[in-house]
Amino acid sequence: MIALTPFLLSIAAIIANIFLSVTRIKKGLLLGVNLLFWAIVLVSFFVFRNEIVNSDLPFFATGFIVFGQFELVLCSIVAVLTILFFATLYFSDDERYFKPELVALANLASFGMMGMIISSEIITTLIFIEIASISIYAMIALNSFNSKSIEAAFKYFLLSSFMSAFYLLGAALIFGMTQTTKYELLSKLSSPLFITTIGAMLIIAMMFFKIAIFGFYRWSIDVYYGASTSITGYLAGAFKLASFGMLIKFALLYSGGWNDILAIIFSVVAICSMFIGNFLSLKEVDVKKILIAAGIVHAGYIFINLASFSGEESLFAGVFYIAIYAITTGFGFLLLNALFGDKQVTIDSIAGLYKSSPIAALAFTIISLSFIGFPYTVGFLGKVYIFSSAFEAGYAYLAIFGIINTILSVYYYLRIIISIYFKESNEIVILSKPRTIWLNILSILAIAFVILEGIGIGSILGYLSLVMA
């Protein structure tokens, strides 16, 4: 029962926020309480790590969830990203963008994401997916002042419901042929039948949709852009992390003999995603859209490691890259939200930013360099791991395509950096003193994360070394 402590705490946070949302509690106090709550959840993952990894679970949970180093790491990162999300809400407009209900929904979404990662059974996974997704639909639509938010929420709801139907059909086919929906039992199938394979592909297609990878990415650009900046960062970081977690568990850690088929699919997806994402980013001038489209490229990098995995190589590279990308993206959108709120931010909008907000400008520059893969940043370390894993597994062509796309990505990230430092500003970003102090604190945290992780001092690198092959 001790192993469930972090999740019981998150449920307590949900219940508490449901009651708090109907009170007149001040915004600062509400967010402060939630930041403290999730800091405790994060610490509890470390405190009870042995109980969690040893699967010290009550009898009613053993058939539906599974714990290990992999689940522990990703759930910890979800907690970190939830803390970052609540920090961004400090900078949200009280009248238009912040509502107490948003905090309750964010807690529910985070619980659903952790459930997606720890579930060990197909139907349970779907239940957690829907818990997280329904919360996110509502979070996006809460901004009633912006018609784009309503449109984004409806589009995501409609397409996600459609893909859930595919997932259910796949689950029905698998259960009809195997009489089980548990990952562990499915992994013991010596030679999956054709119908079972079709079912698995339908389930994986739904997971591709949630990740917003090649072939399933069009919705993400409209939905992410239509949502407020803080929610976009939460979607691009936490939800993508959780989606990758459930894909890795279903398709790789508990593979039912689909390895050869998946290696081909993942290779094609990796190559196409990198090129498509770069093509979309190269022609963009909106900073938010550049980061959204670039997310497709980074997902492609992760698929390089997934394509090279055959049971003998480690998934360390992919898991590490997912973790550092999610946190770096969270910091990137946090800074955009703190500086500009939900205004449209073009490359010209950030011109001369170093004059008005020098520390934030430096932080955003370092984040951009990390996305490029500049040496001594965490992005460089992640790319080294990814490309090395491909070479070691005999997939050198994937690493070469990855390097080519890394070079292509330099163009649009350098445009952002050049605008910050070498262009004259048309309008000056003016922030209040308290807001500037908080912005500087968050900027320093972002810089510390990117640099310390990049030179191998940070905590995530050491923590992820525990992840099993």
Protein backbone atom coordinates (compact mmCIF):
# COMPACT_ATOMS: atom_id res chain seq x y z
CA MET A 1 0.00 0.00 0.00
CA ILE A 2 2.97 2.32 0.66
CA ALA A 3 3.88 2.09 -3.03
CA LEU A 4 0.62 3.86 -3.89
CA THR A 5 1.42 6.86 -1.66
CA PRO A 6 2.25 9.34 -4.48
CA PHE A 7 -0.94 8.43 -6.33
CA LEU A 8 -3.09 8.62 -3.22
CA LEU A 9 -1.64 12.06 -2.58
CA SER A 10 -2.54 13.16 -6.11
CA ILE A 11 -6.12 11.92 -5.59
CA ALA A 12 -6.25 13.90 -2.34
CA ALA A 13 -5.10 16.97 -4.29
CA ILE A 14 -7.90 16.45 -6.82
CA ILE A 15 -10.58 16.20 -4.12
CA ALA A 16 -9.19 19.21 -2.24
CA ASN A 17 -9.15 21.34 -5.40
CA ILE A 18 -12.72 20.42 -6.30
CA PHE A 19 -13.80 21.97 -3.00
CA LEU A 20 -11.38 24.89 -3.28
CA SER A 21 -12.66 25.77 -6.77
CA VAL A 22 -16.03 26.83 -5.31
CA THR A 23 -14.47 29.00 -2.60
CA ARG A 24 -13.08 32.51 -2.85
CA ILE A 25 -9.51 31.45 -2.19
CA LYS A 26 -6.92 33.82 -3.62
CA LYS A 27 -5.03 32.77 -6.72
CA GLY A 28 -1.58 33.00 -5.09
CA LEU A 29 -2.62 30.90 -2.12
CA LEU A 30 -4.34 28.28 -4.30
CA LEU A 31 -1.32 27.86 -6.55
CA GLY A 32 1.05 27.89 -3.56
CA VAL A 33 -0.87 25.04 -1.92
CA ASN A 34 -0.79 23.02 -5.14
CA LEU A 35 2.91 23.63 -5.70
CA LEU A 36 3.57 22.38 -2.18
CA PHE A 37 1.28 19.38 -2.73
CA TRP A 38 3.06 18.31 -5.91
CA ALA A 39 6.47 18.93 -4.39
CA ILE A 40 5.45 16.40 -1.70
CA VAL A 41 4.25 13.99 -4.42
CA LEU A 42 7.62 14.33 -6.18
CA VAL A 43 9.58 13.76 -2.97
CA SER A 44 7.43 10.72 -2.15
CA PHE A 45 8.57 9.01 -5.35
CA PHE A 46 12.13 9.17 -4.04
CA VAL A 47 11.27 8.37 -0.43
CA PHE A 48 9.23 5.28 -1.32
CA ARG A 49 11.34 4.23 -4.32
CA ASN A 50 12.22 0.81 -2.89
CA GLU A 51 8.59 -0.02 -2.09
CA ILE A 52 7.49 1.18 -5.54
CA VAL A 53 10.15 -0.73 -7.48
CA ASN A 54 9.63 -3.89 -5.40
CA SER A 55 5.94 -3.75 -6.36
CA ASP A 56 4.73 -3.61 -2.77
CA LEU A 57 1.14 -3.27 -4.00
CA PRO A 58 -2.19 -4.22 -2.44
CA PHE A 59 -3.93 -7.25 -3.97
CA PHE A 60 -6.58 -5.19 -5.77
CA ALA A 61 -3.93 -3.26 -7.72
CA THR A 62 -1.53 -6.01 -8.79
CA GLY A 63 -3.52 -7.09 -11.82
CA PHE A 64 -3.95 -3.61 -13.25
CA ILE A 65 -0.80 -1.62 -12.56
CA VAL A 66 2.91 -2.37 -12.56
CA PHE A 67 5.84 -0.51 -11.04
CA GLY A 68 9.49 -0.55 -11.97
CA GLN A 69 12.35 1.86 -12.61
CA PHE A 70 10.80 2.87 -15.94
CA GLU A 71 7.43 3.80 -14.46
CA LEU A 72 9.05 5.47 -11.45
CA VAL A 73 11.19 7.76 -13.61
CA LEU A 74 8.39 8.88 -15.93
CA CYS A 75 5.88 9.45 -13.11
CA SER A 76 8.50 11.59 -11.33
CA ILE A 77 8.91 13.69 -14.49
CA VAL A 78 5.12 14.12 -14.74
CA ALA A 79 5.21 15.51 -11.18
CA VAL A 80 8.00 17.94 -12.17
CA LEU A 81 6.05 19.10 -15.23
CA THR A 82 2.90 19.60 -13.14
CA ILE A 83 4.88 21.84 -10.80
CA LEU A 84 6.14 23.83 -13.81
CA PHE A 85 2.60 24.14 -15.14
CA PHE A 86 1.28 25.54 -11.87
CA ALA A 87 4.21 27.97 -11.85
CA THR A 88 3.14 29.28 -15.28
CA LEU A 89 -0.37 29.98 -13.97
CA TYR A 90 1.07 32.70 -11.74
CA PHE A 91 1.55 34.71 -14.94
CA SER A 92 -1.95 34.09 -16.34
CA ASP A 93 -4.50 36.88 -16.57
CA ASP A 94 -6.88 36.53 -13.61
CA GLU A 95 -9.92 37.68 -15.56
CA ARG A 96 -9.49 35.81 -18.82
CA TYR A 97 -7.17 32.82 -18.46
CA PHE A 98 -7.10 31.73 -14.84
CA LYS A 99 -9.97 29.95 -13.14
CA PRO A 100 -9.82 27.81 -9.97
CA GLU A 101 -11.41 24.94 -11.91
CA LEU A 102 -8.32 24.86 -14.11
CA VAL A 103 -6.19 23.75 -11.15
CA ALA A 104 -8.57 20.92 -10.25
CA LEU A 105 -8.60 19.75 -13.88
CA ALA A 106 -4.79 19.90 -14.06
CA ASN A 107 -4.53 17.68 -10.99
CA LEU A 108 -6.96 15.21 -12.56
CA ALA A 109 -5.03 15.26 -15.85
CA SER A 110 -1.73 14.60 -14.05
CA PHE A 111 -3.25 11.66 -12.19
CA GLY A 112 -4.50 10.27 -15.50
CA MET A 113 -1.06 10.65 -17.07
CA MET A 114 0.63 8.79 -14.24
CA GLY A 115 -2.03 6.09 -14.60
CA MET A 116 -1.24 5.82 -18.33
CA ILE A 117 2.37 5.08 -17.42
CA ILE A 118 1.77 2.52 -14.64
CA SER A 119 -1.17 0.59 -16.10
CA SER A 120 -0.43 -3.01 -17.09
CA GLU A 121 -3.64 -3.84 -18.88
CA ILE A 122 -5.15 -2.51 -22.12
CA ILE A 123 -8.57 -1.43 -20.82
CA THR A 124 -7.13 0.17 -17.68
CA THR A 125 -4.76 2.13 -19.90
CA LEU A 126 -7.71 3.45 -21.93
CA ILE A 127 -9.55 4.51 -18.76
CA PHE A 128 -6.52 6.55 -17.64
CA ILE A 129 -6.12 8.00 -21.15
CA GLU A 130 -9.70 9.23 -21.03
CA ILE A 131 -9.29 10.67 -17.52
CA ALA A 132 -6.33 12.73 -18.74
CA SER A 133 -7.87 13.61 -22.12
CA ILE A 134 -11.28 14.74 -20.83
CA SER A 135 -9.54 16.97 -18.29
CA ILE A 136 -7.44 18.49 -21.06
CA TYR A 137 -10.49 19.11 -23.30
CA ALA A 138 -12.00 21.14 -20.48
CA MET A 139 -8.74 22.96 -19.69
CA ILE A 140 -8.40 24.10 -23.30
CA ALA A 141 -12.05 25.21 -23.54
CA LEU A 142 -12.04 27.17 -20.25
CA ASN A 143 -10.75 30.24 -22.07
CA SER A 144 -14.19 31.33 -23.31
CA PHE A 145 -12.82 34.71 -24.42
CA ASN A 146 -10.94 33.07 -27.27
CA SER A 147 -12.95 31.31 -29.98
CA LYS A 148 -9.79 29.46 -31.03
CA SER A 149 -9.70 27.71 -27.65
CA ILE A 150 -13.27 26.44 -28.05
CA GLU A 151 -12.50 25.28 -31.59
CA ALA A 152 -9.25 23.60 -30.44
CA ALA A 153 -11.01 21.76 -27.59
CA PHE A 154 -13.81 20.54 -29.86
CA LYS A 155 -11.39 19.42 -32.58
CA TYR A 156 -9.28 17.52 -30.06
CA PHE A 157 -12.37 15.96 -28.47
CA LEU A 158 -13.78 14.85 -31.83
CA LEU A 159 -10.55 13.36 -33.21
CA SER A 160 -9.55 11.80 -29.90
CA SER A 161 -12.95 10.11 -29.55
CA PHE A 162 -12.57 8.75 -33.07
CA MET A 163 -9.12 7.30 -32.25
CA SER A 164 -10.44 5.84 -28.98
CA ALA A 165 -12.89 3.82 -31.07
CA PHE A 166 -9.94 2.36 -32.99
CA TYR A 167 -8.25 1.55 -29.67
CA LEU A 168 -11.35 -0.25 -28.41
CA LEU A 169 -11.65 -2.21 -31.65
CA GLY A 170 -8.00 -3.26 -31.32
CA ALA A 171 -8.55 -4.28 -27.69
CA ALA A 172 -11.61 -6.33 -28.71
CA LEU A 173 -9.65 -8.15 -31.44
CA ILE A 174 -6.81 -8.94 -29.04
CA PHE A 175 -9.14 -10.16 -26.30
CA GLY A 176 -11.18 -12.22 -28.76
CA MET A 177 -8.09 -14.10 -29.91
CA THR A 178 -6.10 -14.35 -26.66
CA GLN A 179 -8.73 -14.11 -23.88
CA THR A 180 -6.56 -11.56 -22.07
CA THR A 181 -5.78 -7.85 -22.16
CA LYS A 182 -2.78 -7.90 -19.79
CA TYR A 183 0.55 -6.82 -21.26
CA GLU A 184 2.53 -9.49 -19.43
CA LEU A 185 0.40 -12.36 -20.77
CA LEU A 186 0.40 -10.90 -24.28
CA SER A 187 4.19 -10.71 -24.22
CA LYS A 188 4.38 -14.50 -23.75
CA LEU A 189 2.63 -15.26 -27.03
CA SER A 190 5.12 -17.16 -29.15
CA SER A 191 3.62 -16.33 -32.55
CA PRO A 192 0.78 -13.77 -32.53
CA LEU A 193 -2.05 -14.41 -34.95
CA PHE A 194 -2.78 -12.04 -37.81
CA ILE A 195 -5.93 -10.70 -36.09
CA THR A 196 -3.99 -10.07 -32.88
CA THR A 197 -1.36 -8.14 -34.82
CA ILE A 198 -4.06 -6.01 -36.46
CA GLY A 199 -5.49 -5.29 -33.01
CA ALA A 200 -2.07 -4.26 -31.71
CA MET A 201 -1.57 -1.92 -34.69
CA LEU A 202 -4.92 -0.22 -34.01
CA ILE A 203 -3.93 0.38 -30.39
CA ILE A 204 -0.51 1.69 -31.42
CA ALA A 205 -2.16 4.00 -33.97
CA MET A 206 -4.10 5.63 -31.13
CA MET A 207 -0.85 6.05 -29.18
CA PHE A 208 0.76 7.64 -32.26
CA PHE A 209 -2.15 10.09 -32.33
CA LYS A 210 -1.58 11.12 -28.71
CA ILE A 211 2.14 11.61 -29.37
CA ALA A 212 1.33 13.63 -32.54
CA ILE A 213 3.83 11.82 -34.73
CA PHE A 214 4.02 11.64 -38.56
CA GLY A 215 0.64 10.76 -40.02
CA PHE A 216 -1.14 11.85 -36.85
CA TYR A 217 0.25 15.33 -36.26
CA ARG A 218 -2.10 17.75 -38.07
CA TRP A 219 -4.43 18.11 -35.09
CA SER A 220 -1.60 19.06 -32.73
CA ILE A 221 -0.66 22.26 -34.55
CA ASP A 222 -4.23 23.63 -34.46
CA VAL A 223 -5.04 22.36 -30.95
CA TYR A 224 -1.75 23.34 -29.31
CA TYR A 225 -1.85 26.77 -30.94
CA GLY A 226 -5.50 27.32 -30.00
CA ALA A 227 -4.85 26.52 -26.33
CA SER A 228 -3.39 29.12 -23.98
CA THR A 229 0.41 29.13 -23.83
CA SER A 230 0.68 27.50 -20.40
CA ILE A 231 -1.65 24.63 -21.41
CA THR A 232 0.27 24.19 -24.67
CA GLY A 233 3.46 23.68 -22.69
CA TYR A 234 1.70 21.19 -20.45
CA LEU A 235 0.39 19.25 -23.46
CA ALA A 236 3.69 19.33 -25.35
CA GLY A 237 5.61 18.22 -22.27
CA ALA A 238 3.64 16.14 -19.78
CA PHE A 239 1.06 14.57 -22.06
CA LYS A 240 3.59 13.67 -24.74
CA LEU A 241 5.82 12.13 -22.06
CA ALA A 242 2.94 9.99 -20.72
CA SER A 243 1.95 8.96 -24.25
CA PHE A 244 5.48 7.80 -25.01
CA GLY A 245 5.49 5.93 -21.71
CA MET A 246 2.43 3.85 -22.59
CA LEU A 247 3.69 3.25 -26.14
CA ILE A 248 7.03 1.93 -24.91
CA LYS A 249 5.36 -0.37 -22.40
CA PHE A 250 2.83 -1.81 -24.83
CA ALA A 251 5.01 -2.05 -27.93
CA LEU A 252 8.46 -2.78 -26.53
CA LEU A 253 8.73 -3.75 -22.88
CA TYR A 254 5.85 -6.21 -23.18
CA SER A 255 6.10 -6.93 -26.89
CA GLY A 256 3.99 -9.81 -28.09
CA GLY A 257 6.27 -10.76 -30.97
CA TRP A 258 5.68 -7.61 -33.05
CA ASN A 259 9.32 -6.47 -32.93
CA ASP A 260 10.15 -6.95 -36.63
CA ILE A 261 6.99 -5.17 -37.78
CA LEU A 262 7.45 -2.34 -35.29
CA ALA A 263 11.11 -1.81 -36.21
CA ILE A 264 10.05 -1.04 -39.78
CA ILE A 265 7.10 1.15 -38.72
CA PHE A 266 9.16 3.07 -36.16
CA SER A 267 11.99 3.64 -38.66
CA VAL A 268 9.62 5.10 -41.27
CA VAL A 269 7.87 7.21 -38.63
CA ALA A 270 11.22 8.52 -37.30
CA ILE A 271 12.51 9.62 -40.71
CA CYS A 272 9.24 11.15 -41.93
CA SER A 273 8.58 12.94 -38.62
CA MET A 274 11.99 14.59 -38.58
CA PHE A 275 11.71 15.90 -42.14
CA ILE A 276 8.04 16.93 -41.89
CA GLY A 277 8.57 18.69 -38.56
CA ASN A 278 11.57 20.60 -39.92
CA PHE A 279 9.71 21.54 -43.09
CA LEU A 280 6.84 22.99 -41.03
CA SER A 281 9.21 24.88 -38.71
CA LEU A 282 11.43 26.34 -41.45
CA LYS A 283 8.60 28.40 -42.93
CA GLU A 284 7.10 29.59 -39.63
CA VAL A 285 7.54 33.03 -38.07
CA ASP A 286 5.35 32.39 -35.00
CA VAL A 287 7.58 31.24 -32.11
CA LYS A 288 4.84 29.14 -30.52
CA LYS A 289 4.17 27.33 -33.81
CA ILE A 290 7.90 26.76 -34.31
CA LEU A 291 8.13 25.01 -30.94
CA ILE A 292 4.98 22.98 -31.68
CA ALA A 293 6.20 21.82 -35.11
CA ALA A 294 9.70 21.18 -33.74
CA GLY A 295 8.08 18.81 -31.24
CA ILE A 296 7.37 16.49 -34.18
CA VAL A 297 11.09 16.51 -35.00
CA HIS A 298 12.08 15.66 -31.43
CA ALA A 299 9.52 12.84 -31.35
CA GLY A 300 11.24 11.53 -34.48
CA TYR A 301 14.59 11.48 -32.64
CA ILE A 302 13.03 9.39 -29.88
CA PHE A 303 11.66 6.95 -32.45
CA ILE A 304 15.23 6.38 -33.68
CA ASN A 305 15.97 4.72 -30.34
CA LEU A 306 12.65 2.86 -30.30
CA ALA A 307 13.28 1.51 -33.83
CA SER A 308 16.73 0.26 -32.79
CA PHE A 309 15.43 -1.56 -29.70
CA SER A 310 15.35 -5.35 -30.02
CA GLY A 311 15.46 -6.44 -26.40
CA GLU A 312 19.24 -6.46 -26.20
CA GLU A 313 19.93 -2.72 -26.51
CA SER A 314 18.92 -0.27 -23.82
CA LEU A 315 15.97 2.11 -23.94
CA PHE A 316 17.99 4.49 -21.79
CA ALA A 317 18.61 6.89 -24.69
CA GLY A 318 14.94 7.19 -25.62
CA VAL A 319 13.71 7.55 -22.04
CA PHE A 320 16.40 10.11 -21.25
CA TYR A 321 15.54 12.16 -24.35
CA ILE A 322 11.81 12.05 -23.55
CA ALA A 323 12.49 13.30 -20.03
CA ILE A 324 14.85 16.15 -20.93
CA TYR A 325 12.76 17.25 -23.93
CA ALA A 326 9.57 17.39 -21.84
CA ILE A 327 11.17 19.50 -19.10
CA THR A 328 13.02 21.80 -21.51
CA THR A 329 9.81 22.35 -23.50
CA GLY A 330 7.96 23.07 -20.27
CA PHE A 331 10.50 25.78 -19.40
CA GLY A 332 10.32 27.20 -22.94
CA PHE A 333 6.55 27.68 -22.90
CA LEU A 334 6.75 28.88 -19.27
CA LEU A 335 9.03 31.73 -20.36
CA LEU A 336 6.80 32.62 -23.32
CA ASN A 337 3.76 32.70 -21.05
CA ALA A 338 5.54 34.81 -18.43
CA LEU A 339 6.75 37.34 -21.00
CA PHE A 340 3.86 37.59 -23.44
CA GLY A 341 0.89 35.72 -21.97
CA ASP A 342 -1.39 34.51 -24.75
CA LYS A 343 -0.42 37.18 -27.26
CA GLN A 344 0.83 36.10 -30.64
CA VAL A 345 4.63 35.89 -30.42
CA THR A 346 6.41 36.21 -33.74
CA ILE A 347 10.16 36.24 -34.23
CA ASP A 348 9.94 40.03 -34.50
CA SER A 349 8.09 40.17 -31.15
CA ILE A 350 11.16 38.91 -29.29
CA ALA A 351 13.53 41.32 -31.05
CA GLY A 352 15.83 43.01 -28.54
CA LEU A 353 14.44 40.97 -25.65
CA TYR A 354 17.87 40.96 -23.99
CA LYS A 355 17.47 44.67 -23.19
CA SER A 356 14.19 44.42 -21.26
CA SER A 357 14.59 40.91 -19.77
CA PRO A 358 18.25 39.87 -20.02
CA ILE A 359 18.05 36.76 -17.82
CA ALA A 360 14.89 35.46 -19.54
CA ALA A 361 16.50 36.17 -22.93
CA LEU A 362 19.57 34.17 -21.91
CA ALA A 363 17.40 31.30 -20.67
CA PHE A 364 15.41 31.15 -23.92
CA THR A 365 18.65 31.29 -25.90
CA ILE A 366 20.14 28.39 -23.95
CA ILE A 367 16.91 26.40 -24.38
CA SER A 368 17.08 27.01 -28.15
CA LEU A 369 20.73 25.91 -28.21
CA SER A 370 19.74 22.78 -26.29
CA PHE A 371 17.08 21.97 -28.89
CA ILE A 372 19.76 22.34 -31.58
CA GLY A 373 22.08 20.03 -29.66
CA PHE A 374 24.80 22.55 -28.84
CA PRO A 375 27.70 21.04 -26.81
CA TYR A 376 27.45 21.24 -23.01
CA THR A 377 23.67 21.48 -23.13
CA VAL A 378 21.35 18.65 -22.17
CA GLY A 379 20.04 18.46 -25.76
CA PHE A 380 23.52 17.63 -27.01
CA LEU A 381 23.85 14.82 -24.48
CA GLY A 382 20.41 13.45 -25.46
CA LYS A 383 21.29 13.44 -29.17
CA VAL A 384 24.62 11.72 -28.51
CA TYR A 385 22.78 8.93 -26.68
CA ILE A 386 20.12 8.63 -29.40
CA PHE A 387 22.50 8.54 -32.36
CA SER A 388 24.96 6.25 -30.55
CA SER A 389 22.18 3.77 -29.80
CA ALA A 390 21.28 3.65 -33.51
CA PHE A 391 24.90 3.04 -34.57
CA GLU A 392 25.37 0.32 -31.95
CA ALA A 393 22.18 -1.47 -33.03
CA GLY A 394 23.15 -1.42 -36.73
CA TYR A 395 20.73 1.35 -37.72
CA ALA A 396 23.39 3.81 -38.88
CA TYR A 397 21.11 5.25 -41.57
CA LEU A 398 18.67 6.45 -38.88
CA ALA A 399 21.49 8.22 -37.05
CA ILE A 400 22.61 9.86 -40.31
CA PHE A 401 19.06 11.10 -41.01
CA GLY A 402 18.94 12.38 -37.43
CA ILE A 403 22.19 14.34 -37.87
CA ILE A 404 20.94 15.83 -41.16
CA ASN A 405 17.74 17.00 -39.50
CA THR A 406 19.68 18.41 -36.55
CA ILE A 407 21.60 20.56 -39.03
CA LEU A 408 18.34 21.67 -40.68
CA SER A 409 16.89 22.69 -37.30
CA VAL A 410 19.78 25.11 -36.71
CA TYR A 411 18.16 27.57 -39.14
CA TYR A 412 14.95 28.31 -37.28
CA TYR A 413 16.43 28.18 -33.79
CA LEU A 414 19.18 30.60 -34.83
CA ARG A 415 16.52 32.94 -36.22
CA ILE A 416 15.07 33.14 -32.69
CA ILE A 417 18.49 33.78 -31.11
CA ILE A 418 19.45 36.38 -33.73
CA SER A 419 16.18 38.21 -33.17
CA ILE A 420 16.72 38.30 -29.39
CA TYR A 421 20.21 39.79 -29.57
CA PHE A 422 20.72 41.42 -32.97
CA LYS A 423 17.41 43.04 -33.93
CA GLU A 424 15.87 46.24 -32.69
CA SER A 425 12.63 45.95 -30.74
CA ASN A 426 9.44 47.61 -31.94
CA GLU A 427 7.84 47.32 -28.51
CA ILE A 428 9.41 46.95 -25.08
CA VAL A 429 8.26 44.15 -22.76
CA ILE A 430 7.34 45.86 -19.48
CA LEU A 431 6.79 43.67 -16.41
CA SER A 432 5.99 44.54 -12.82
CA LYS A 433 8.78 44.12 -10.26
CA PRO A 434 7.28 41.01 -8.51
CA ARG A 435 6.65 39.41 -11.90
CA THR A 436 10.22 40.19 -12.99
CA ILE A 437 11.61 38.56 -9.83
CA TRP A 438 9.61 35.36 -10.42
CA LEU A 439 10.57 35.37 -14.10
CA ASN A 440 14.26 35.66 -13.21
CA ILE A 441 14.00 32.79 -10.71
CA LEU A 442 12.37 30.54 -13.29
CA SER A 443 14.90 31.59 -15.93
CA ILE A 444 17.80 30.70 -13.62
CA LEU A 445 16.20 27.29 -12.94
CA ALA A 446 15.86 26.68 -16.69
CA ILE A 447 19.50 27.63 -17.31
CA ALA A 448 20.68 25.46 -14.43
CA PHE A 449 18.71 22.46 -15.68
CA VAL A 450 20.00 22.69 -19.27
CA ILE A 451 23.64 23.28 -18.31
CA LEU A 452 23.98 20.99 -15.28
CA GLU A 453 22.26 18.11 -17.06
CA GLY A 454 24.34 18.83 -20.15
CA ILE A 455 27.64 18.37 -18.30
CA GLY A 456 26.33 15.33 -16.41
CA ILE A 457 25.93 16.84 -12.94
CA GLY A 458 22.10 16.97 -12.81
CA SER A 459 19.85 14.55 -10.99
CA ILE A 460 17.89 13.12 -13.92
CA LEU A 461 20.97 11.66 -15.59
CA GLY A 462 21.94 9.76 -12.46
CA TYR A 463 18.36 8.79 -11.72
CA LEU A 464 17.74 7.44 -15.21
CA SER A 465 20.82 5.23 -14.94
CA LEU A 466 18.57 3.03 -12.83
CA VAL A 467 16.32 2.34 -15.82
CA MET A 468 16.49 -1.28 -16.86
CA ALA A 469 17.36 -2.28 -20.42
